[in-house]
Amino acid sequence: MKHTLTCLSFITRFSGTLRGFTTIMINELLMVVHDITLHEKNGSRWVGLPGKPQLRDGVPFLNYTGRLQYTPIIELESRAVRDAFGSAVRTAVLQKLPEAGSREPTP
């Protein structure tokens, strides 16, 4: 079953591979997914689904590099589904804001 997506909002945020955050409506399901991340590196683009921070005894858990660890709250079944969803998200964002995440801010 193919679904159509609508970008409800996009916030540009550059940090490493991160290009911004989007909120997407999956129209046929009447479902809104917040905080999908858009990434880019060396011409490769992908999206990240929202997650929740891992806690140990109520304290955020940091990995060996000092970065906060996250647990997925939404998972897509296969690589093909993830790729199709990522492509649909990027298309929806670019339909709303053609310039979204395309360049870093000027210093």
N, C-alpha and C. Protein backbone atom coordinates (compact mmCIF):
# COMPACT_ATOMS: atom_id res chain seq x y z
N MET A 1 0.85 -1.18 0.00
CA MET A 1 0.00 0.00 0.00
C MET A 1 0.89 1.24 0.00
N LYS A 2 0.62 2.15 -0.90
CA LYS A 2 1.41 3.37 -0.99
C LYS A 2 0.68 4.50 -0.27
N HIS A 3 1.43 5.26 0.50
CA HIS A 3 0.85 6.38 1.24
C HIS A 3 1.46 7.69 0.73
N THR A 4 0.70 8.75 0.86
CA THR A 4 1.22 10.07 0.52
C THR A 4 1.59 10.79 1.81
N LEU A 5 2.68 11.56 1.72
CA LEU A 5 3.17 12.29 2.88
C LEU A 5 3.09 13.78 2.62
N THR A 6 2.81 14.53 3.67
CA THR A 6 2.80 15.98 3.61
C THR A 6 3.73 16.51 4.69
N CYS A 7 4.60 17.44 4.30
CA CYS A 7 5.48 18.09 5.27
C CYS A 7 4.68 19.19 5.97
N LEU A 8 4.56 19.09 7.28
CA LEU A 8 3.85 20.12 8.05
C LEU A 8 4.80 21.21 8.51
N SER A 9 6.06 20.85 8.77
CA SER A 9 7.04 21.86 9.18
C SER A 9 8.44 21.33 8.94
N PHE A 10 9.38 22.26 8.81
CA PHE A 10 10.79 21.91 8.69
C PHE A 10 11.61 22.97 9.39
N ILE A 11 12.54 22.53 10.21
CA ILE A 11 13.44 23.44 10.92
C ILE A 11 14.86 23.09 10.50
N THR A 12 15.56 24.05 9.90
CA THR A 12 16.94 23.83 9.49
C THR A 12 17.83 23.81 10.72
N ARG A 13 18.69 22.80 10.82
CA ARG A 13 19.65 22.70 11.90
C ARG A 13 20.85 21.95 11.36
N PHE A 14 21.98 22.61 11.29
CA PHE A 14 23.21 21.99 10.77
C PHE A 14 24.11 21.57 11.92
N SER A 15 24.44 20.28 11.94
CA SER A 15 25.38 19.75 12.93
C SER A 15 25.85 18.40 12.41
N GLY A 16 27.10 18.32 12.02
CA GLY A 16 27.60 17.07 11.43
C GLY A 16 26.83 16.75 10.16
N THR A 17 26.19 15.59 10.12
CA THR A 17 25.41 15.20 8.95
C THR A 17 23.99 15.76 8.98
N LEU A 18 23.56 16.25 10.13
CA LEU A 18 22.19 16.75 10.30
C LEU A 18 21.94 17.99 9.46
N ARG A 19 20.80 18.00 8.78
CA ARG A 19 20.39 19.16 7.98
C ARG A 19 19.11 19.79 8.50
N GLY A 20 18.36 19.07 9.36
CA GLY A 20 17.17 19.66 9.95
C GLY A 20 16.21 18.62 10.47
N PHE A 21 15.10 19.14 11.02
CA PHE A 21 14.04 18.32 11.61
C PHE A 21 12.75 18.62 10.87
N THR A 22 11.94 17.58 10.65
CA THR A 22 10.67 17.79 9.98
C THR A 22 9.54 17.08 10.74
N THR A 23 8.34 17.57 10.53
CA THR A 23 7.12 16.92 10.99
C THR A 23 6.35 16.52 9.74
N ILE A 24 6.00 15.25 9.65
CA ILE A 24 5.37 14.69 8.46
C ILE A 24 4.00 14.12 8.81
N MET A 25 3.02 14.36 7.93
CA MET A 25 1.70 13.73 8.05
C MET A 25 1.64 12.59 7.05
N ILE A 26 1.32 11.39 7.52
CA ILE A 26 1.03 10.26 6.63
C ILE A 26 -0.47 10.33 6.40
N ASN A 27 -0.84 10.89 5.25
CA ASN A 27 -2.22 11.33 5.00
C ASN A 27 -3.26 10.23 5.18
N GLU A 28 -3.05 9.07 4.57
CA GLU A 28 -4.07 8.02 4.61
C GLU A 28 -4.27 7.44 6.01
N LEU A 29 -3.26 7.54 6.85
CA LEU A 29 -3.36 7.03 8.22
C LEU A 29 -3.77 8.12 9.21
N LEU A 30 -3.81 9.37 8.73
CA LEU A 30 -4.06 10.52 9.61
C LEU A 30 -3.09 10.49 10.79
N MET A 31 -1.84 10.16 10.47
CA MET A 31 -0.80 10.03 11.50
C MET A 31 0.27 11.08 11.28
N VAL A 32 0.64 11.77 12.36
CA VAL A 32 1.70 12.78 12.32
C VAL A 32 2.92 12.22 13.05
N VAL A 33 4.08 12.33 12.38
CA VAL A 33 5.34 11.89 12.98
C VAL A 33 6.21 13.13 13.14
N HIS A 34 6.57 13.44 14.38
CA HIS A 34 7.38 14.62 14.71
C HIS A 34 8.86 14.23 14.77
N ASP A 35 9.71 15.22 14.60
CA ASP A 35 11.16 15.09 14.83
C ASP A 35 11.85 14.03 13.98
N ILE A 36 11.46 13.94 12.70
CA ILE A 36 12.21 13.13 11.76
C ILE A 36 13.43 13.95 11.37
N THR A 37 14.61 13.36 11.44
CA THR A 37 15.83 14.10 11.10
C THR A 37 16.21 13.83 9.65
N LEU A 38 16.71 14.87 8.99
CA LEU A 38 17.23 14.74 7.63
C LEU A 38 18.74 14.90 7.70
N HIS A 39 19.46 13.98 7.04
CA HIS A 39 20.91 13.95 7.08
C HIS A 39 21.49 13.93 5.68
N GLU A 40 22.75 14.39 5.56
CA GLU A 40 23.46 14.34 4.29
C GLU A 40 24.96 14.25 4.55
N LYS A 41 25.64 13.38 3.77
CA LYS A 41 27.09 13.29 3.84
C LYS A 41 27.60 12.71 2.53
N ASN A 42 28.56 13.40 1.93
CA ASN A 42 29.19 12.94 0.69
C ASN A 42 28.16 12.59 -0.38
N GLY A 43 27.12 13.40 -0.51
CA GLY A 43 26.10 13.18 -1.53
C GLY A 43 25.05 12.16 -1.17
N SER A 44 25.23 11.45 -0.06
CA SER A 44 24.26 10.47 0.40
C SER A 44 23.28 11.16 1.35
N ARG A 45 21.99 10.84 1.21
CA ARG A 45 20.96 11.45 2.06
C ARG A 45 20.13 10.37 2.71
N TRP A 46 19.72 10.61 3.95
CA TRP A 46 18.87 9.67 4.66
C TRP A 46 18.09 10.41 5.72
N VAL A 47 17.07 9.72 6.26
CA VAL A 47 16.27 10.29 7.35
C VAL A 47 16.43 9.40 8.57
N GLY A 48 16.23 10.00 9.72
CA GLY A 48 16.24 9.27 10.98
C GLY A 48 14.89 9.40 11.65
N LEU A 49 14.36 8.30 12.12
CA LEU A 49 13.09 8.32 12.83
C LEU A 49 13.30 8.77 14.27
N PRO A 50 12.26 9.32 14.88
CA PRO A 50 12.42 9.82 16.25
C PRO A 50 12.73 8.68 17.23
N GLY A 51 13.44 9.02 18.28
CA GLY A 51 13.78 8.07 19.33
C GLY A 51 13.68 8.75 20.69
N LYS A 52 13.82 7.95 21.72
CA LYS A 52 13.81 8.53 23.07
C LYS A 52 15.15 8.27 23.72
N PRO A 53 15.62 9.21 24.52
CA PRO A 53 16.92 9.04 25.15
C PRO A 53 16.91 7.87 26.14
N GLN A 54 18.00 7.13 26.17
CA GLN A 54 18.13 6.04 27.14
C GLN A 54 18.49 6.64 28.49
N LEU A 55 17.89 6.08 29.53
CA LEU A 55 18.17 6.52 30.89
C LEU A 55 18.65 5.34 31.71
N ARG A 56 19.59 5.60 32.61
CA ARG A 56 20.04 4.61 33.59
C ARG A 56 19.84 5.25 34.96
N ASP A 57 18.92 4.69 35.72
CA ASP A 57 18.57 5.25 37.03
C ASP A 57 18.17 6.71 36.92
N GLY A 58 17.44 7.03 35.84
CA GLY A 58 16.93 8.38 35.65
C GLY A 58 17.93 9.37 35.07
N VAL A 59 19.15 8.90 34.79
CA VAL A 59 20.20 9.77 34.27
C VAL A 59 20.44 9.41 32.80
N PRO A 60 20.54 10.43 31.91
CA PRO A 60 20.80 10.11 30.50
C PRO A 60 22.06 9.27 30.35
N PHE A 61 21.97 8.22 29.50
CA PHE A 61 23.09 7.30 29.29
C PHE A 61 23.92 7.77 28.11
N LEU A 62 25.22 7.97 28.35
CA LEU A 62 26.14 8.38 27.31
C LEU A 62 26.99 7.18 26.90
N ASN A 63 27.26 7.08 25.59
CA ASN A 63 28.12 5.99 25.12
C ASN A 63 29.58 6.32 25.38
N TYR A 64 30.48 5.47 24.91
CA TYR A 64 31.91 5.65 25.18
C TYR A 64 32.50 6.92 24.56
N THR A 65 31.79 7.53 23.57
CA THR A 65 32.27 8.79 22.98
C THR A 65 31.65 10.00 23.65
N GLY A 66 30.79 9.75 24.65
CA GLY A 66 30.16 10.85 25.37
C GLY A 66 28.87 11.34 24.73
N ARG A 67 28.38 10.61 23.72
CA ARG A 67 27.14 11.00 23.06
C ARG A 67 25.95 10.29 23.69
N LEU A 68 24.82 11.00 23.77
CA LEU A 68 23.60 10.45 24.31
C LEU A 68 23.11 9.29 23.45
N GLN A 69 22.72 8.19 24.09
CA GLN A 69 22.19 7.02 23.39
C GLN A 69 20.67 7.13 23.29
N TYR A 70 20.13 6.70 22.14
CA TYR A 70 18.69 6.74 21.92
C TYR A 70 18.15 5.34 21.64
N THR A 71 16.88 5.12 21.98
CA THR A 71 16.16 3.90 21.67
C THR A 71 15.10 4.23 20.64
N PRO A 72 14.99 3.44 19.56
CA PRO A 72 13.98 3.73 18.55
C PRO A 72 12.57 3.54 19.11
N ILE A 73 11.64 4.39 18.66
CA ILE A 73 10.24 4.22 19.04
C ILE A 73 9.37 3.87 17.83
N ILE A 74 9.93 4.04 16.65
CA ILE A 74 9.28 3.64 15.40
C ILE A 74 10.34 2.90 14.59
N GLU A 75 9.94 1.78 14.00
CA GLU A 75 10.90 1.03 13.19
C GLU A 75 10.23 0.62 11.89
N LEU A 76 10.97 0.71 10.80
CA LEU A 76 10.48 0.27 9.50
C LEU A 76 11.09 -1.10 9.20
N GLU A 77 10.30 -1.96 8.60
CA GLU A 77 10.58 -3.38 8.50
C GLU A 77 11.82 -3.77 7.70
N SER A 78 12.11 -3.08 6.64
CA SER A 78 13.22 -3.51 5.78
C SER A 78 13.96 -2.31 5.21
N ARG A 79 15.11 -2.58 4.63
CA ARG A 79 15.90 -1.52 3.99
C ARG A 79 15.12 -0.87 2.86
N ALA A 80 14.39 -1.67 2.07
CA ALA A 80 13.61 -1.13 0.96
C ALA A 80 12.52 -0.18 1.47
N VAL A 81 11.86 -0.56 2.55
CA VAL A 81 10.81 0.30 3.12
C VAL A 81 11.43 1.57 3.69
N ARG A 82 12.57 1.44 4.39
CA ARG A 82 13.26 2.62 4.93
C ARG A 82 13.68 3.57 3.82
N ASP A 83 14.23 3.02 2.74
CA ASP A 83 14.65 3.86 1.61
C ASP A 83 13.47 4.56 0.97
N ALA A 84 12.36 3.84 0.77
CA ALA A 84 11.17 4.44 0.16
C ALA A 84 10.59 5.52 1.06
N PHE A 85 10.55 5.27 2.36
CA PHE A 85 10.04 6.27 3.30
C PHE A 85 10.93 7.50 3.30
N GLY A 86 12.24 7.30 3.34
CA GLY A 86 13.18 8.42 3.32
C GLY A 86 13.03 9.27 2.08
N SER A 87 12.88 8.61 0.94
CA SER A 87 12.69 9.33 -0.32
C SER A 87 11.39 10.13 -0.29
N ALA A 88 10.32 9.53 0.23
CA ALA A 88 9.03 10.22 0.30
C ALA A 88 9.08 11.41 1.26
N VAL A 89 9.81 11.26 2.37
CA VAL A 89 9.97 12.37 3.32
C VAL A 89 10.72 13.51 2.66
N ARG A 90 11.84 13.21 2.02
CA ARG A 90 12.62 14.27 1.36
C ARG A 90 11.81 14.96 0.28
N THR A 91 11.02 14.20 -0.49
CA THR A 91 10.17 14.79 -1.53
C THR A 91 9.14 15.72 -0.90
N ALA A 92 8.50 15.29 0.19
CA ALA A 92 7.50 16.12 0.85
C ALA A 92 8.11 17.41 1.39
N VAL A 93 9.30 17.31 1.98
CA VAL A 93 9.98 18.50 2.52
C VAL A 93 10.32 19.46 1.38
N LEU A 94 10.88 18.93 0.29
CA LEU A 94 11.27 19.79 -0.83
C LEU A 94 10.08 20.41 -1.55
N GLN A 95 8.92 19.74 -1.53
CA GLN A 95 7.71 20.33 -2.11
C GLN A 95 7.28 21.55 -1.30
N LYS A 96 7.43 21.47 0.01
CA LYS A 96 7.04 22.60 0.87
C LYS A 96 8.09 23.70 0.85
N LEU A 97 9.37 23.31 0.95
CA LEU A 97 10.48 24.26 1.03
C LEU A 97 11.61 23.78 0.14
N PRO A 98 11.65 24.19 -1.12
CA PRO A 98 12.67 23.70 -2.05
C PRO A 98 14.11 23.92 -1.58
N GLU A 99 14.34 24.91 -0.75
CA GLU A 99 15.70 25.19 -0.30
C GLU A 99 16.06 24.47 1.01
N ALA A 100 15.15 23.67 1.54
CA ALA A 100 15.32 23.07 2.87
C ALA A 100 16.60 22.26 2.99
N GLY A 101 17.44 22.66 3.93
CA GLY A 101 18.63 21.90 4.27
C GLY A 101 19.68 21.80 3.19
N SER A 102 19.57 22.62 2.15
CA SER A 102 20.46 22.45 1.02
C SER A 102 21.83 23.08 1.18
N ARG A 103 21.98 23.97 2.12
CA ARG A 103 23.28 24.61 2.29
C ARG A 103 23.46 25.04 3.73
N GLU A 104 24.70 25.12 4.12
CA GLU A 104 25.01 25.52 5.49
C GLU A 104 24.88 27.03 5.63
N PRO A 105 24.55 27.50 6.80
CA PRO A 105 24.46 28.93 7.01
C PRO A 105 25.81 29.62 6.80
N THR A 106 25.77 30.82 6.37
CA THR A 106 26.99 31.60 6.17
C THR A 106 27.50 32.07 7.52
N PRO A 107 28.82 31.93 7.78
CA PRO A 107 29.35 32.35 9.10
C PRO A 107 29.24 33.84 9.31
